[in-house]
Amino acid sequence: MVQDFRNGALRLRVLHLAAQDELHGAVLTTHLADAGHRVSPGTLYPLLHRLQEAGLLKSRTEVLDGRRVRRYRTTKKGRRALADCRAVLADLVADVTPE
């Protein structure tokens, strides 16, 4: 049960970060690690792909220091989903935490 919650939190955190700035995978990995989510590329990139296929993220490819990198940003649908998740999370916290 805890792992399912963490997986959902990871998706939410990725949407949150991508809503703030257009980021590539290595930067996302650093931000996630700073927030306590230690994720491997084998976890992060499939998640980014699923979020993109769901229409929650968009990406573009550019050359950075001679290497091609893909940058991710939330879509309008992704920002709406993020707002909905924040509301549900706020309700959940209010329901399950002592007063």
PDB file of N, CA and C in Angstrom:
ATOM      1  N   MET A   1       0.817  -1.189   0.000  1.00  0.00           N
ATOM      2  CA  MET A   1       0.000   0.000   0.000  1.00  0.00           C
ATOM      3  C   MET A   1       0.869   1.264   0.000  1.00  0.00           C
ATOM      4  N   VAL A   2       1.935   1.235   0.783  1.00  0.00           N
ATOM      5  CA  VAL A   2       2.819   2.396   0.844  1.00  0.00           C
ATOM      6  C   VAL A   2       3.492   2.627  -0.503  1.00  0.00           C
ATOM      7  N   GLN A   3       3.880   1.539  -1.173  1.00  0.00           N
ATOM      8  CA  GLN A   3       4.542   1.690  -2.473  1.00  0.00           C
ATOM      9  C   GLN A   3       3.599   2.309  -3.499  1.00  0.00           C
ATOM     10  N   ASP A   4       2.334   1.919  -3.488  1.00  0.00           N
ATOM     11  CA  ASP A   4       1.353   2.527  -4.396  1.00  0.00           C
ATOM     12  C   ASP A   4       1.234   4.024  -4.134  1.00  0.00           C
ATOM     13  N   PHE A   5       1.207   4.402  -2.853  1.00  0.00           N
ATOM     14  CA  PHE A   5       1.122   5.814  -2.493  1.00  0.00           C
ATOM     15  C   PHE A   5       2.363   6.561  -2.984  1.00  0.00           C
ATOM     16  N   ARG A   6       3.533   5.957  -2.796  1.00  0.00           N
ATOM     17  CA  ARG A   6       4.776   6.595  -3.256  1.00  0.00           C
ATOM     18  C   ARG A   6       4.802   6.751  -4.774  1.00  0.00           C
ATOM     19  N   ASN A   7       4.305   5.747  -5.493  1.00  0.00           N
ATOM     20  CA  ASN A   7       4.263   5.846  -6.952  1.00  0.00           C
ATOM     21  C   ASN A   7       3.366   6.997  -7.391  1.00  0.00           C
ATOM     22  N   GLY A   8       2.217   7.129  -6.735  1.00  0.00           N
ATOM     23  CA  GLY A   8       1.326   8.248  -7.044  1.00  0.00           C
ATOM     24  C   GLY A   8       1.967   9.582  -6.706  1.00  0.00           C
ATOM     25  N   ALA A   9       2.679   9.623  -5.580  1.00  0.00           N
ATOM     26  CA  ALA A   9       3.370  10.851  -5.179  1.00  0.00           C
ATOM     27  C   ALA A   9       4.460  11.208  -6.183  1.00  0.00           C
ATOM     28  N   LEU A  10       5.133  10.203  -6.726  1.00  0.00           N
ATOM     29  CA  LEU A  10       6.166  10.453  -7.729  1.00  0.00           C
ATOM     30  C   LEU A  10       5.549  11.072  -8.978  1.00  0.00           C
ATOM     31  N   ARG A  11       4.439  10.525  -9.446  1.00  0.00           N
ATOM     32  CA  ARG A  11       3.763  11.095 -10.619  1.00  0.00           C
ATOM     33  C   ARG A  11       3.352  12.544 -10.353  1.00  0.00           C
ATOM     34  N   LEU A  12       2.801  12.779  -9.174  1.00  0.00           N
ATOM     35  CA  LEU A  12       2.379  14.127  -8.800  1.00  0.00           C
ATOM     36  C   LEU A  12       3.578  15.076  -8.751  1.00  0.00           C
ATOM     37  N   ARG A  13       4.677  14.629  -8.178  1.00  0.00           N
ATOM     38  CA  ARG A  13       5.880  15.467  -8.083  1.00  0.00           C
ATOM     39  C   ARG A  13       6.428  15.788  -9.475  1.00  0.00           C
ATOM     40  N   VAL A  14       6.430  14.817 -10.386  1.00  0.00           N
ATOM     41  CA  VAL A  14       6.911  15.067 -11.750  1.00  0.00           C
ATOM     42  C   VAL A  14       6.029  16.111 -12.430  1.00  0.00           C
ATOM     43  N   LEU A  15       4.714  15.977 -12.303  1.00  0.00           N
ATOM     44  CA  LEU A  15       3.818  16.981 -12.889  1.00  0.00           C
ATOM     45  C   LEU A  15       4.071  18.357 -12.279  1.00  0.00           C
ATOM     46  N   HIS A  16       4.262  18.393 -10.973  1.00  0.00           N
ATOM     47  CA  HIS A  16       4.526  19.663 -10.281  1.00  0.00           C
ATOM     48  C   HIS A  16       5.810  20.314 -10.814  1.00  0.00           C
ATOM     49  N   LEU A  17       6.877  19.546 -10.913  1.00  0.00           N
ATOM     50  CA  LEU A  17       8.151  20.090 -11.388  1.00  0.00           C
ATOM     51  C   LEU A  17       8.056  20.547 -12.839  1.00  0.00           C
ATOM     52  N   ALA A  18       7.395  19.748 -13.670  1.00  0.00           N
ATOM     53  CA  ALA A  18       7.274  20.093 -15.088  1.00  0.00           C
ATOM     54  C   ALA A  18       6.326  21.267 -15.307  1.00  0.00           C
ATOM     55  N   ALA A  19       5.477  21.563 -14.336  1.00  0.00           N
ATOM     56  CA  ALA A  19       4.609  22.738 -14.430  1.00  0.00           C
ATOM     57  C   ALA A  19       5.392  24.011 -14.111  1.00  0.00           C
ATOM     58  N   GLN A  20       6.449  23.880 -13.322  1.00  0.00           N
ATOM     59  CA  GLN A  20       7.246  25.042 -12.930  1.00  0.00           C
ATOM     60  C   GLN A  20       8.243  25.462 -13.994  1.00  0.00           C
ATOM     61  N   ASP A  21       8.784  24.476 -14.719  1.00  0.00           N
ATOM     62  CA  ASP A  21       9.835  24.767 -15.684  1.00  0.00           C
ATOM     63  C   ASP A  21       9.939  23.611 -16.665  1.00  0.00           C
ATOM     64  N   GLU A  22      10.492  23.896 -17.828  1.00  0.00           N
ATOM     65  CA  GLU A  22      10.749  22.854 -18.816  1.00  0.00           C
ATOM     66  C   GLU A  22      12.059  22.173 -18.416  1.00  0.00           C
ATOM     67  N   LEU A  23      11.997  20.871 -18.118  1.00  0.00           N
ATOM     68  CA  LEU A  23      13.142  20.169 -17.549  1.00  0.00           C
ATOM     69  C   LEU A  23      13.475  18.909 -18.338  1.00  0.00           C
ATOM     70  N   HIS A  24      14.752  18.551 -18.349  1.00  0.00           N
ATOM     71  CA  HIS A  24      15.140  17.272 -18.944  1.00  0.00           C
ATOM     72  C   HIS A  24      15.338  16.251 -17.831  1.00  0.00           C
ATOM     73  N   GLY A  25      15.461  14.996 -18.215  1.00  0.00           N
ATOM     74  CA  GLY A  25      15.462  13.890 -17.265  1.00  0.00           C
ATOM     75  C   GLY A  25      16.493  13.993 -16.158  1.00  0.00           C
ATOM     76  N   ALA A  26      17.715  14.412 -16.487  1.00  0.00           N
ATOM     77  CA  ALA A  26      18.759  14.492 -15.459  1.00  0.00           C
ATOM     78  C   ALA A  26      18.411  15.533 -14.400  1.00  0.00           C
ATOM     79  N   VAL A  27      17.859  16.656 -14.820  1.00  0.00           N
ATOM     80  CA  VAL A  27      17.466  17.698 -13.867  1.00  0.00           C
ATOM     81  C   VAL A  27      16.283  17.214 -13.032  1.00  0.00           C
ATOM     82  N   LEU A  28      15.332  16.548 -13.671  1.00  0.00           N
ATOM     83  CA  LEU A  28      14.207  15.976 -12.925  1.00  0.00           C
ATOM     84  C   LEU A  28      14.709  14.997 -11.871  1.00  0.00           C
ATOM     85  N   THR A  29      15.656  14.153 -12.242  1.00  0.00           N
ATOM     86  CA  THR A  29      16.210  13.180 -11.301  1.00  0.00           C
ATOM     87  C   THR A  29      16.816  13.881 -10.086  1.00  0.00           C
ATOM     88  N   THR A  30      17.540  14.966 -10.321  1.00  0.00           N
ATOM     89  CA  THR A  30      18.146  15.722  -9.223  1.00  0.00           C
ATOM     90  C   THR A  30      17.080  16.331  -8.321  1.00  0.00           C
ATOM     91  N   HIS A  31      16.088  16.979  -8.918  1.00  0.00           N
ATOM     92  CA  HIS A  31      15.007  17.580  -8.124  1.00  0.00           C
ATOM     93  C   HIS A  31      14.249  16.515  -7.327  1.00  0.00           C
ATOM     94  N   LEU A  32      13.995  15.385  -7.954  1.00  0.00           N
ATOM     95  CA  LEU A  32      13.283  14.307  -7.259  1.00  0.00           C
ATOM     96  C   LEU A  32      14.113  13.769  -6.096  1.00  0.00           C
ATOM     97  N   ALA A  33      15.410  13.600  -6.312  1.00  0.00           N
ATOM     98  CA  ALA A  33      16.288  13.117  -5.237  1.00  0.00           C
ATOM     99  C   ALA A  33      16.315  14.112  -4.079  1.00  0.00           C
ATOM    100  N   ASP A  34      16.329  15.400  -4.400  1.00  0.00           N
ATOM    101  CA  ASP A  34      16.308  16.429  -3.354  1.00  0.00           C
ATOM    102  C   ASP A  34      15.030  16.346  -2.521  1.00  0.00           C
ATOM    103  N   ALA A  35      13.953  15.849  -3.134  1.00  0.00           N
ATOM    104  CA  ALA A  35      12.662  15.720  -2.436  1.00  0.00           C
ATOM    105  C   ALA A  35      12.486  14.338  -1.809  1.00  0.00           C
ATOM    106  N   GLY A  36      13.528  13.502  -1.878  1.00  0.00           N
ATOM    107  CA  GLY A  36      13.463  12.189  -1.247  1.00  0.00           C
ATOM    108  C   GLY A  36      13.025  11.056  -2.153  1.00  0.00           C
ATOM    109  N   HIS A  37      12.853  11.328  -3.447  1.00  0.00           N
ATOM    110  CA  HIS A  37      12.476  10.285  -4.413  1.00  0.00           C
ATOM    111  C   HIS A  37      13.732   9.856  -5.163  1.00  0.00           C
ATOM    112  N   ARG A  38      14.309   8.756  -4.781  1.00  0.00           N
ATOM    113  CA  ARG A  38      15.482   8.234  -5.479  1.00  0.00           C
ATOM    114  C   ARG A  38      14.980   7.355  -6.624  1.00  0.00           C
ATOM    115  N   VAL A  39      15.072   7.864  -7.847  1.00  0.00           N
ATOM    116  CA  VAL A  39      14.558   7.117  -8.995  1.00  0.00           C
ATOM    117  C   VAL A  39      15.670   6.865  -9.999  1.00  0.00           C
ATOM    118  N   SER A  40      15.626   5.695 -10.585  1.00  0.00           N
ATOM    119  CA  SER A  40      16.590   5.334 -11.616  1.00  0.00           C
ATOM    120  C   SER A  40      16.044   5.787 -12.969  1.00  0.00           C
ATOM    121  N   PRO A  41      16.917   5.889 -13.969  1.00  0.00           N
ATOM    122  CA  PRO A  41      16.428   6.195 -15.310  1.00  0.00           C
ATOM    123  C   PRO A  41      15.408   5.162 -15.799  1.00  0.00           C
ATOM    124  N   GLY A  42      15.565   3.916 -15.360  1.00  0.00           N
ATOM    125  CA  GLY A  42      14.626   2.861 -15.745  1.00  0.00           C
ATOM    126  C   GLY A  42      13.242   3.038 -15.157  1.00  0.00           C
ATOM    127  N   THR A  43      13.127   3.855 -14.138  1.00  0.00           N
ATOM    128  CA  THR A  43      11.828   4.204 -13.560  1.00  0.00           C
ATOM    129  C   THR A  43      11.326   5.522 -14.129  1.00  0.00           C
ATOM    130  N   LEU A  44      12.209   6.521 -14.203  1.00  0.00           N
ATOM    131  CA  LEU A  44      11.793   7.859 -14.604  1.00  0.00           C
ATOM    132  C   LEU A  44      11.343   7.935 -16.056  1.00  0.00           C
ATOM    133  N   TYR A  45      12.143   7.416 -16.977  1.00  0.00           N
ATOM    134  CA  TYR A  45      11.818   7.612 -18.391  1.00  0.00           C
ATOM    135  C   TYR A  45      10.541   6.893 -18.826  1.00  0.00           C
ATOM    136  N   PRO A  46      10.278   5.676 -18.365  1.00  0.00           N
ATOM    137  CA  PRO A  46       8.967   5.086 -18.680  1.00  0.00           C
ATOM    138  C   PRO A  46       7.808   5.898 -18.086  1.00  0.00           C
ATOM    139  N   LEU A  47       7.996   6.467 -16.890  1.00  0.00           N
ATOM    140  CA  LEU A  47       6.963   7.314 -16.294  1.00  0.00           C
ATOM    141  C   LEU A  47       6.733   8.552 -17.158  1.00  0.00           C
ATOM    142  N   LEU A  48       7.799   9.201 -17.590  1.00  0.00           N
ATOM    143  CA  LEU A  48       7.661  10.374 -18.457  1.00  0.00           C
ATOM    144  C   LEU A  48       6.932  10.009 -19.745  1.00  0.00           C
ATOM    145  N   HIS A  49       7.268   8.861 -20.303  1.00  0.00           N
ATOM    146  CA  HIS A  49       6.616   8.401 -21.535  1.00  0.00           C
ATOM    147  C   HIS A  49       5.120   8.177 -21.301  1.00  0.00           C
ATOM    148  N   ARG A  50       4.763   7.534 -20.187  1.00  0.00           N
ATOM    149  CA  ARG A  50       3.338   7.293 -19.883  1.00  0.00           C
ATOM    150  C   ARG A  50       2.585   8.604 -19.679  1.00  0.00           C
ATOM    151  N   LEU A  51       3.198   9.546 -18.977  1.00  0.00           N
ATOM    152  CA  LEU A  51       2.550  10.842 -18.763  1.00  0.00           C
ATOM    153  C   LEU A  51       2.387  11.594 -20.082  1.00  0.00           C
ATOM    154  N   GLN A  52       3.361  11.437 -20.964  1.00  0.00           N
ATOM    155  CA  GLN A  52       3.264  12.082 -22.276  1.00  0.00           C
ATOM    156  C   GLN A  52       2.173  11.413 -23.115  1.00  0.00           C
ATOM    157  N   GLU A  53       2.119  10.099 -23.105  1.00  0.00           N
ATOM    158  CA  GLU A  53       1.072   9.395 -23.859  1.00  0.00           C
ATOM    159  C   GLU A  53      -0.321   9.729 -23.342  1.00  0.00           C
ATOM    160  N   ALA A  54      -0.435  10.018 -22.050  1.00  0.00           N
ATOM    161  CA  ALA A  54      -1.719  10.387 -21.451  1.00  0.00           C
ATOM    162  C   ALA A  54      -2.080  11.843 -21.739  1.00  0.00           C
ATOM    163  N   GLY A  55      -1.178  12.568 -22.381  1.00  0.00           N
ATOM    164  CA  GLY A  55      -1.441  13.962 -22.709  1.00  0.00           C
ATOM    165  C   GLY A  55      -1.179  14.927 -21.566  1.00  0.00           C
ATOM    166  N   LEU A  56      -0.495  14.461 -20.519  1.00  0.00           N
ATOM    167  CA  LEU A  56      -0.226  15.304 -19.354  1.00  0.00           C
ATOM    168  C   LEU A  56       1.095  16.059 -19.471  1.00  0.00           C
ATOM    169  N   LEU A  57       2.004  15.535 -20.281  1.00  0.00           N
ATOM    170  CA  LEU A  57       3.287  16.180 -20.551  1.00  0.00           C
ATOM    171  C   LEU A  57       3.474  16.307 -22.048  1.00  0.00           C
ATOM    172  N   LYS A  58       4.259  17.301 -22.434  1.00  0.00           N
ATOM    173  CA  LYS A  58       4.728  17.406 -23.816  1.00  0.00           C
ATOM    174  C   LYS A  58       6.242  17.506 -23.751  1.00  0.00           C
ATOM    175  N   SER A  59       6.895  17.220 -24.854  1.00  0.00           N
ATOM    176  CA  SER A  59       8.355  17.281 -24.850  1.00  0.00           C
ATOM    177  C   SER A  59       8.856  17.859 -26.157  1.00  0.00           C
ATOM    178  N   ARG A  60      10.077  18.315 -26.085  1.00  0.00           N
ATOM    179  CA  ARG A  60      10.777  18.752 -27.293  1.00  0.00           C
ATOM    180  C   ARG A  60      12.231  18.333 -27.144  1.00  0.00           C
ATOM    181  N   THR A  61      12.865  18.083 -28.263  1.00  0.00           N
ATOM    182  CA  THR A  61      14.260  17.655 -28.265  1.00  0.00           C
ATOM    183  C   THR A  61      15.135  18.825 -28.684  1.00  0.00           C
ATOM    184  N   GLU A  62      16.254  18.973 -28.007  1.00  0.00           N
ATOM    185  CA  GLU A  62      17.223  20.005 -28.364  1.00  0.00           C
ATOM    186  C   GLU A  62      18.620  19.445 -28.167  1.00  0.00           C
ATOM    187  N   VAL A  63      19.612  20.158 -28.668  1.00  0.00           N
ATOM    188  CA  VAL A  63      21.008  19.767 -28.485  1.00  0.00           C
ATOM    189  C   VAL A  63      21.578  20.609 -27.350  1.00  0.00           C
ATOM    190  N   LEU A  64      22.143  19.931 -26.362  1.00  0.00           N
ATOM    191  CA  LEU A  64      22.736  20.584 -25.196  1.00  0.00           C
ATOM    192  C   LEU A  64      24.131  20.006 -24.997  1.00  0.00           C
ATOM    193  N   ASP A  65      25.139  20.850 -25.086  1.00  0.00           N
ATOM    194  CA  ASP A  65      26.533  20.404 -24.962  1.00  0.00           C
ATOM    195  C   ASP A  65      26.849  19.272 -25.937  1.00  0.00           C
ATOM    196  N   GLY A  66      26.344  19.397 -27.150  1.00  0.00           N
ATOM    197  CA  GLY A  66      26.612  18.411 -28.185  1.00  0.00           C
ATOM    198  C   GLY A  66      25.793  17.134 -28.090  1.00  0.00           C
ATOM    199  N   ARG A  67      24.873  17.073 -27.126  1.00  0.00           N
ATOM    200  CA  ARG A  67      24.040  15.870 -26.953  1.00  0.00           C
ATOM    201  C   ARG A  67      22.579  16.241 -27.124  1.00  0.00           C
ATOM    202  N   ARG A  68      21.831  15.310 -27.673  1.00  0.00           N
ATOM    203  CA  ARG A  68      20.383  15.520 -27.781  1.00  0.00           C
ATOM    204  C   ARG A  68      19.742  15.229 -26.431  1.00  0.00           C
ATOM    205  N   VAL A  69      18.913  16.151 -25.973  1.00  0.00           N
ATOM    206  CA  VAL A  69      18.168  15.948 -24.735  1.00  0.00           C
ATOM    207  C   VAL A  69      16.702  16.266 -24.994  1.00  0.00           C
ATOM    208  N   ARG A  70      15.857  15.610 -24.259  1.00  0.00           N
ATOM    209  CA  ARG A  70      14.420  15.844 -24.364  1.00  0.00           C
ATOM    210  C   ARG A  70      13.987  16.609 -23.121  1.00  0.00           C
ATOM    211  N   ARG A  71      13.319  17.731 -23.348  1.00  0.00           N
ATOM    212  CA  ARG A  71      12.810  18.558 -22.246  1.00  0.00           C
ATOM    213  C   ARG A  71      11.308  18.350 -22.127  1.00  0.00           C
ATOM    214  N   TYR A  72      10.836  18.294 -20.888  1.00  0.00           N
ATOM    215  CA  TYR A  72       9.428  18.009 -20.600  1.00  0.00           C
ATOM    216  C   TYR A  72       8.771  19.200 -19.924  1.00  0.00           C
ATOM    217  N   ARG A  73       7.490  19.382 -20.243  1.00  0.00           N
ATOM    218  CA  ARG A  73       6.679  20.460 -19.675  1.00  0.00           C
ATOM    219  C   ARG A  73       5.247  19.953 -19.584  1.00  0.00           C
ATOM    220  N   THR A  74       4.497  20.407 -18.586  1.00  0.00           N
ATOM    221  CA  THR A  74       3.098  19.980 -18.499  1.00  0.00           C
ATOM    222  C   THR A  74       2.283  20.636 -19.606  1.00  0.00           C
ATOM    223  N   THR A  75       1.268  19.925 -20.027  1.00  0.00           N
ATOM    224  CA  THR A  75       0.286  20.462 -20.966  1.00  0.00           C
ATOM    225  C   THR A  75      -0.832  21.122 -20.163  1.00  0.00           C
ATOM    226  N   LYS A  76      -1.767  21.719 -20.870  1.00  0.00           N
ATOM    227  CA  LYS A  76      -2.941  22.287 -20.194  1.00  0.00           C
ATOM    228  C   LYS A  76      -3.681  21.185 -19.437  1.00  0.00           C
ATOM    229  N   LYS A  77      -3.822  20.034 -20.073  1.00  0.00           N
ATOM    230  CA  LYS A  77      -4.464  18.889 -19.418  1.00  0.00           C
ATOM    231  C   LYS A  77      -3.669  18.461 -18.179  1.00  0.00           C
ATOM    232  N   GLY A  78      -2.348  18.489 -18.277  1.00  0.00           N
ATOM    233  CA  GLY A  78      -1.496  18.130 -17.145  1.00  0.00           C
ATOM    234  C   GLY A  78      -1.632  19.104 -15.986  1.00  0.00           C
ATOM    235  N   ARG A  79      -1.759  20.393 -16.300  1.00  0.00           N
ATOM    236  CA  ARG A  79      -1.938  21.389 -15.238  1.00  0.00           C
ATOM    237  C   ARG A  79      -3.298  21.231 -14.563  1.00  0.00           C
ATOM    238  N   ARG A  80      -4.330  20.891 -15.341  1.00  0.00           N
ATOM    239  CA  ARG A  80      -5.648  20.627 -14.743  1.00  0.00           C
ATOM    240  C   ARG A  80      -5.583  19.390 -13.851  1.00  0.00           C
ATOM    241  N   ALA A  81      -4.916  18.344 -14.325  1.00  0.00           N
ATOM    242  CA  ALA A  81      -4.781  17.122 -13.529  1.00  0.00           C
ATOM    243  C   ALA A  81      -4.010  17.404 -12.244  1.00  0.00           C
ATOM    244  N   LEU A  82      -2.981  18.222 -12.327  1.00  0.00           N
ATOM    245  CA  LEU A  82      -2.203  18.591 -11.149  1.00  0.00           C
ATOM    246  C   LEU A  82      -3.076  19.338 -10.146  1.00  0.00           C
ATOM    247  N   ALA A  83      -3.877  20.271 -10.617  1.00  0.00           N
ATOM    248  CA  ALA A  83      -4.776  21.018  -9.724  1.00  0.00           C
ATOM    249  C   ALA A  83      -5.787  20.081  -9.069  1.00  0.00           C
ATOM    250  N   ASP A  84      -6.331  19.148  -9.846  1.00  0.00           N
ATOM    251  CA  ASP A  84      -7.284  18.175  -9.295  1.00  0.00           C
ATOM    252  C   ASP A  84      -6.618  17.305  -8.228  1.00  0.00           C
ATOM    253  N   CYS A  85      -5.406  16.849  -8.507  1.00  0.00           N
ATOM    254  CA  CYS A  85      -4.680  16.008  -7.545  1.00  0.00           C
ATOM    255  C   CYS A  85      -4.356  16.775  -6.272  1.00  0.00           C
ATOM    256  N   ARG A  86      -3.996  18.037  -6.419  1.00  0.00           N
ATOM    257  CA  ARG A  86      -3.717  18.855  -5.229  1.00  0.00           C
ATOM    258  C   ARG A  86      -4.955  18.976  -4.347  1.00  0.00           C
ATOM    259  N   ALA A  87      -6.122  19.158  -4.969  1.00  0.00           N
ATOM    260  CA  ALA A  87      -7.367  19.275  -4.203  1.00  0.00           C
ATOM    261  C   ALA A  87      -7.678  17.971  -3.476  1.00  0.00           C
ATOM    262  N   VAL A  88      -7.522  16.849  -4.168  1.00  0.00           N
ATOM    263  CA  VAL A  88      -7.768  15.543  -3.549  1.00  0.00           C
ATOM    264  C   VAL A  88      -6.782  15.310  -2.408  1.00  0.00           C
ATOM    265  N   LEU A  89      -5.528  15.651  -2.629  1.00  0.00           N
ATOM    266  CA  LEU A  89      -4.508  15.476  -1.597  1.00  0.00           C
ATOM    267  C   LEU A  89      -4.812  16.340  -0.367  1.00  0.00           C
ATOM    268  N   ALA A  90      -5.230  17.570  -0.585  1.00  0.00           N
ATOM    269  CA  ALA A  90      -5.575  18.446   0.544  1.00  0.00           C
ATOM    270  C   ALA A  90      -6.739  17.859   1.341  1.00  0.00           C
ATOM    271  N   ASP A  91      -7.751  17.332   0.643  1.00  0.00           N
ATOM    272  CA  ASP A  91      -8.881  16.692   1.327  1.00  0.00           C
ATOM    273  C   ASP A  91      -8.420  15.468   2.112  1.00  0.00           C
ATOM    274  N   LEU A  92      -7.549  14.667   1.503  1.00  0.00           N
ATOM    275  CA  LEU A  92      -7.044  13.468   2.158  1.00  0.00           C
ATOM    276  C   LEU A  92      -6.280  13.821   3.433  1.00  0.00           C
ATOM    277  N   VAL A  93      -5.400  14.795   3.337  1.00  0.00           N
ATOM    278  CA  VAL A  93      -4.617  15.206   4.508  1.00  0.00           C
ATOM    279  C   VAL A  93      -5.547  15.690   5.610  1.00  0.00           C
ATOM    280  N   ALA A  94      -6.557  16.465   5.244  1.00  0.00           N
ATOM    281  CA  ALA A  94      -7.511  16.955   6.244  1.00  0.00           C
ATOM    282  C   ALA A  94      -8.274  15.805   6.899  1.00  0.00           C
ATOM    283  N   ASP A  95      -8.580  14.774   6.124  1.00  0.00           N
ATOM    284  CA  ASP A  95      -9.348  13.637   6.645  1.00  0.00           C
ATOM    285  C   ASP A  95      -8.531  12.705   7.538  1.00  0.00           C
ATOM    286  N   VAL A  96      -7.258  12.525   7.233  1.00  0.00           N
ATOM    287  CA  VAL A  96      -6.494  11.478   7.923  1.00  0.00           C
ATOM    288  C   VAL A  96      -5.505  11.990   8.966  1.00  0.00           C
ATOM    289  N   THR A  97      -5.374  13.289   9.102  1.00  0.00           N
ATOM    290  CA  THR A  97      -4.458  13.802  10.119  1.00  0.00           C
ATOM    291  C   THR A  97      -5.245  14.270  11.341  1.00  0.00           C
ATOM    292  N   PRO A  98      -4.677  14.057  12.515  1.00  0.00           N
ATOM    293  CA  PRO A  98      -5.380  14.487  13.736  1.00  0.00           C
ATOM    294  C   PRO A  98      -5.456  16.008  13.816  1.00  0.00           C
ATOM    295  N   GLU A  99      -6.477  16.461  14.488  1.00  0.00           N
ATOM    296  CA  GLU A  99      -6.659  17.917  14.637  1.00  0.00           C
ATOM    297  C   GLU A  99      -5.788  18.487  15.707  1.00  0.00           C
TER     298      GLU A  99
END
